[in-house]
Amino acid sequence: MNLKKNEHINHPKPHGLEETQTLINESCRSLVVDWLVDVSTQYKLSDDSLFLAVNLLDRYISIKKINTKEFQLIACGALFIACKFEEIYPPEIIDFCLIMNNAFSRNDILRIEYEILKTLDFDILCVSPLVFLKRFLDVSKSALKAFALSNFILEISLLEIKTLKYMPSLLAASSLYISRKLLIRNEELWNEDMEFYTGYSVNQMEDCIVLLYKILKCIPNNSLCSSKNKYSDKKFLEIAKEYCQKNKAS
């Protein structure tokens, strides 16, 4: 599969933040990613825009040392670029100024857009775990609920920088495995077809599954709740409500 051969291209460095940054840490990054989720939900942006924006942000901060004052602006610039690439009708630049309560001007956004593009050599293409998830769901013939839960798991994984050590295809396969385990407990979770088409056995996914499930279990008590609020909507079958409530009792 060409996607799998190329998924390492423009994949952020797992330790890029700690190797490059001195003024921002994992917590700062999680706050900004949660803010991006909230903005993308407010403006009804596609998940593809959100995932691309986080990819651009992670790649940029693994190369360029930044200060805390401009971190939100950089995240906004990454989303601005992603929307131009993914959305049919992307928000206007004035919308992005409003997003940040006019803390930054139109020129600030244009400046950081150019800075991000220049730093990344104008190469913004990447392989998203969402692409793999859609393919794997077709093979698994899973119900709509599995699609919603898998997407939710992938989205909350954006908050955790440790997931960068896993390739997009592995994240997609692991999120699907968890959703199937929670939804269809009595059926064969990962048969030979699933292993063949995803390219992963359960043993190969084990470490990633453990991390993603830990993230899911922690969400009820996590103050960063944009994804939880988003996936509590009827549009997503209120999947976050169901599984976050269950996890609180555990």
Protein backbone atom coordinates (compact mmCIF):
# COMPACT_ATOMS: atom_id res chain seq x y z
CA MET A 1 0.00 0.00 0.00
CA ASN A 2 1.51 3.31 -1.09
CA LEU A 3 0.06 5.15 1.88
CA LYS A 4 1.85 2.85 4.28
CA LYS A 5 5.11 3.23 2.42
CA ASN A 6 4.86 7.01 2.65
CA GLU A 7 3.34 7.50 6.10
CA HIS A 8 6.74 8.21 7.66
CA ILE A 9 7.20 11.20 5.34
CA ASN A 10 6.51 14.44 7.24
CA HIS A 11 5.64 12.51 10.38
CA PRO A 12 6.62 14.70 13.38
CA LYS A 13 9.66 13.69 15.40
CA PRO A 14 8.50 11.97 18.63
CA HIS A 15 10.97 13.93 20.78
CA GLY A 16 11.02 17.09 18.71
CA LEU A 17 9.45 19.28 21.36
CA GLU A 18 11.82 18.35 24.19
CA GLU A 19 14.86 18.51 21.90
CA THR A 20 14.03 21.97 20.53
CA GLN A 21 11.92 23.89 23.04
CA THR A 22 12.88 25.38 26.40
CA LEU A 23 9.88 27.64 27.07
CA ILE A 24 7.00 25.31 26.17
CA ASN A 25 6.33 21.77 27.35
CA GLU A 26 3.89 18.91 26.81
CA SER A 27 1.20 20.60 28.92
CA CYS A 28 1.42 23.79 26.84
CA ARG A 29 1.11 21.73 23.68
CA SER A 30 -1.93 19.85 25.01
CA LEU A 31 -3.66 23.14 25.88
CA VAL A 32 -3.07 24.52 22.39
CA VAL A 33 -4.22 21.30 20.68
CA ASP A 34 -7.39 21.31 22.78
CA TRP A 35 -7.96 24.91 21.71
CA LEU A 36 -7.57 23.86 18.05
CA VAL A 37 -10.20 21.16 18.56
CA ASP A 38 -12.56 23.75 20.04
CA VAL A 39 -11.97 26.18 17.17
CA SER A 40 -12.42 23.49 14.52
CA THR A 41 -15.70 22.48 16.15
CA GLN A 42 -16.98 26.06 16.36
CA TYR A 43 -16.23 26.70 12.70
CA LYS A 44 -17.46 23.25 11.60
CA LEU A 45 -14.11 22.40 10.06
CA SER A 46 -13.32 18.90 8.83
CA ASP A 47 -11.35 16.46 10.96
CA ASP A 48 -8.79 16.41 8.14
CA SER A 49 -8.12 20.13 8.74
CA LEU A 50 -7.66 19.55 12.46
CA PHE A 51 -5.26 16.62 12.05
CA LEU A 52 -3.23 18.43 9.39
CA ALA A 53 -3.00 21.54 11.59
CA VAL A 54 -1.65 19.50 14.52
CA ASN A 55 0.83 17.80 12.20
CA LEU A 56 2.09 21.18 10.94
CA LEU A 57 2.29 22.51 14.49
CA ASP A 58 4.29 19.52 15.75
CA ARG A 59 6.66 19.61 12.81
CA TYR A 60 7.25 23.35 13.20
CA ILE A 61 7.95 23.25 16.94
CA SER A 62 10.38 20.37 16.44
CA ILE A 63 12.48 22.64 14.21
CA LYS A 64 11.97 26.23 15.38
CA LYS A 65 12.44 27.44 18.93
CA ILE A 66 9.46 29.56 19.98
CA ASN A 67 8.22 31.61 22.92
CA THR A 68 5.01 31.10 24.85
CA LYS A 69 3.48 34.41 23.69
CA GLU A 70 3.37 33.29 20.06
CA PHE A 71 2.37 29.65 20.60
CA GLN A 72 -1.32 30.30 20.03
CA LEU A 73 -0.53 32.39 16.95
CA ILE A 74 1.58 29.54 15.53
CA ALA A 75 -1.27 27.09 16.15
CA CYS A 76 -3.67 29.48 14.45
CA GLY A 77 -1.28 29.82 11.52
CA ALA A 78 -1.09 26.03 11.20
CA LEU A 79 -4.89 25.81 11.15
CA PHE A 80 -5.08 28.66 8.63
CA ILE A 81 -2.79 26.72 6.28
CA ALA A 82 -4.64 23.43 6.86
CA CYS A 83 -8.01 25.02 6.09
CA LYS A 84 -6.74 26.40 2.78
CA PHE A 85 -5.66 22.88 1.88
CA GLU A 86 -8.61 20.85 3.17
CA GLU A 87 -11.72 23.06 3.23
CA ILE A 88 -13.90 23.97 0.26
CA TYR A 89 -14.84 27.25 1.94
CA PRO A 90 -12.10 28.01 4.50
CA PRO A 91 -12.68 30.72 7.11
CA GLU A 92 -11.52 34.21 6.18
CA ILE A 93 -8.43 35.69 7.80
CA ILE A 94 -10.65 38.06 9.79
CA ASP A 95 -12.26 34.99 11.33
CA PHE A 96 -8.88 33.85 12.57
CA CYS A 97 -8.32 37.27 14.14
CA LEU A 98 -11.63 36.91 15.95
CA ILE A 99 -10.71 33.39 17.04
CA MET A 100 -7.84 34.90 19.01
CA ASN A 101 -9.92 37.80 20.33
CA ASN A 102 -7.94 40.22 18.14
CA ALA A 103 -4.81 39.57 20.20
CA PHE A 104 -2.99 39.28 16.87
CA SER A 105 -3.52 41.20 13.66
CA ARG A 106 -4.08 40.12 10.07
CA ASN A 107 -0.42 40.84 9.34
CA ASP A 108 0.65 38.69 12.29
CA ILE A 109 -1.26 35.72 10.86
CA LEU A 110 0.15 36.24 7.36
CA ARG A 111 3.64 36.54 8.82
CA ILE A 112 3.39 33.31 10.80
CA GLU A 113 1.78 31.52 7.85
CA TYR A 114 4.81 32.35 5.72
CA GLU A 115 7.20 31.46 8.54
CA ILE A 116 5.64 28.01 8.99
CA LEU A 117 5.62 27.31 5.25
CA LYS A 118 9.20 28.48 4.83
CA THR A 119 10.41 26.41 7.78
CA LEU A 120 8.69 23.31 6.40
CA ASP A 121 9.96 23.98 2.86
CA PHE A 122 6.36 24.52 1.73
CA ASP A 123 5.82 20.76 2.08
CA ILE A 124 2.57 20.31 3.98
CA LEU A 125 1.47 16.91 2.69
CA CYS A 126 1.22 14.13 5.25
CA VAL A 127 -0.61 10.84 5.70
CA SER A 128 -3.30 11.15 8.36
CA PRO A 129 -4.47 8.27 10.57
CA LEU A 130 -7.99 9.21 9.44
CA VAL A 131 -7.21 7.93 5.94
CA PHE A 132 -6.22 4.54 7.30
CA LEU A 133 -9.16 4.40 9.69
CA LYS A 134 -11.69 4.86 6.89
CA ARG A 135 -10.10 1.99 4.93
CA PHE A 136 -9.88 -0.29 7.95
CA LEU A 137 -13.51 0.39 8.86
CA ASP A 138 -14.59 -0.65 5.36
CA VAL A 139 -12.73 -3.94 5.74
CA SER A 140 -14.06 -4.59 9.24
CA LYS A 141 -17.65 -3.77 8.21
CA SER A 142 -18.06 -2.11 11.59
CA ALA A 143 -21.18 -0.22 12.58
CA LEU A 144 -21.46 3.57 12.67
CA LYS A 145 -20.90 3.51 16.42
CA ALA A 146 -17.47 1.93 15.94
CA PHE A 147 -16.64 4.69 13.46
CA ALA A 148 -17.60 7.38 15.98
CA LEU A 149 -15.71 5.78 18.87
CA SER A 150 -12.59 5.14 16.77
CA ASN A 151 -12.59 8.75 15.60
CA PHE A 152 -13.01 9.96 19.17
CA ILE A 153 -10.06 7.87 20.33
CA LEU A 154 -7.88 9.19 17.50
CA GLU A 155 -8.86 12.79 18.25
CA ILE A 156 -8.11 12.60 21.96
CA SER A 157 -4.79 10.96 21.08
CA LEU A 158 -3.77 14.31 19.55
CA LEU A 159 -3.52 15.70 23.09
CA GLU A 160 -0.84 13.19 24.06
CA ILE A 161 2.57 13.81 22.51
CA LYS A 162 3.66 10.25 23.29
CA THR A 163 1.46 9.01 20.43
CA LEU A 164 3.89 10.60 17.96
CA LYS A 165 6.14 7.56 18.33
CA TYR A 166 3.53 5.50 16.49
CA MET A 167 2.87 5.63 12.75
CA PRO A 168 -0.59 6.81 11.57
CA SER A 169 -1.61 3.33 10.34
CA LEU A 170 -0.81 1.80 13.73
CA LEU A 171 -2.78 4.49 15.57
CA ALA A 172 -5.77 3.89 13.27
CA ALA A 173 -5.66 0.11 13.64
CA SER A 174 -5.27 0.33 17.42
CA SER A 175 -8.15 2.78 17.82
CA LEU A 176 -10.36 0.46 15.75
CA TYR A 177 -9.34 -2.53 17.86
CA ILE A 178 -10.28 -0.71 21.07
CA SER A 179 -13.65 0.39 19.68
CA ARG A 180 -14.44 -3.16 18.52
CA LYS A 181 -13.43 -4.59 21.88
CA LEU A 182 -15.73 -2.17 23.69
CA LEU A 183 -18.64 -2.57 21.28
CA ILE A 184 -18.63 -6.19 20.09
CA ARG A 185 -17.09 -8.06 22.97
CA ASN A 186 -18.40 -11.50 22.03
CA GLU A 187 -17.32 -11.49 18.40
CA GLU A 188 -13.93 -12.19 16.88
CA LEU A 189 -12.16 -8.89 17.29
CA TRP A 190 -9.19 -9.23 15.01
CA ASN A 191 -9.42 -12.03 12.47
CA GLU A 192 -7.01 -12.94 9.68
CA ASP A 193 -8.66 -10.48 7.28
CA MET A 194 -8.19 -7.60 9.70
CA GLU A 195 -4.58 -8.57 10.30
CA PHE A 196 -3.93 -8.86 6.57
CA TYR A 197 -5.55 -5.58 5.51
CA THR A 198 -4.23 -3.49 8.40
CA GLY A 199 -0.82 -5.14 8.39
CA TYR A 200 -0.87 -5.49 12.18
CA SER A 201 -1.42 -8.37 14.56
CA VAL A 202 -2.74 -7.75 18.07
CA ASN A 203 0.74 -8.38 19.47
CA GLN A 204 2.21 -5.73 17.18
CA MET A 205 -0.41 -3.22 18.32
CA GLU A 206 -0.22 -4.02 22.02
CA ASP A 207 1.86 -1.05 23.22
CA CYS A 208 -0.15 1.42 21.15
CA ILE A 209 -3.45 -0.10 22.32
CA VAL A 210 -2.39 0.24 25.95
CA LEU A 211 -1.49 3.92 25.51
CA LEU A 212 -4.68 4.81 23.62
CA TYR A 213 -6.86 3.00 26.13
CA LYS A 214 -5.10 4.79 28.98
CA ILE A 215 -5.85 8.13 27.26
CA LEU A 216 -9.50 7.13 26.86
CA LYS A 217 -9.75 6.13 30.53
CA CYS A 218 -8.27 9.46 31.66
CA ILE A 219 -10.58 11.66 29.57
CA PRO A 220 -13.43 11.92 32.17
CA ASN A 221 -11.06 13.60 34.62
CA ASN A 222 -9.16 15.61 32.04
CA SER A 223 -9.80 19.37 32.13
CA LEU A 224 -9.12 19.53 28.38
CA CYS A 225 -12.61 18.65 27.26
CA SER A 226 -13.11 20.02 23.72
CA SER A 227 -13.14 16.58 22.08
CA LYS A 228 -15.31 15.19 24.87
CA ASN A 229 -17.85 17.97 24.33
CA LYS A 230 -17.71 17.51 20.55
CA TYR A 231 -18.32 13.77 20.69
CA SER A 232 -21.11 14.14 23.25
CA ASP A 233 -23.28 15.57 20.48
CA LYS A 234 -26.03 13.50 18.87
CA LYS A 235 -24.20 13.89 15.56
CA PHE A 236 -21.56 11.53 16.98
CA LEU A 237 -24.10 9.26 18.72
CA GLU A 238 -23.13 10.84 22.07
CA ILE A 239 -20.28 8.35 22.15
CA ALA A 240 -18.16 10.40 24.56
CA LYS A 241 -20.99 10.63 27.10
CA GLU A 242 -21.42 6.90 27.08
CA TYR A 243 -17.80 5.88 27.47
CA CYS A 244 -16.66 8.72 29.70
CA GLN A 245 -19.44 7.95 32.17
CA LYS A 246 -18.51 4.29 32.19
CA ASN A 247 -14.87 5.12 32.77
CA LYS A 248 -15.65 7.38 35.73
CA ALA A 249 -16.98 4.44 37.64
CA SER A 250 -13.93 2.28 36.96
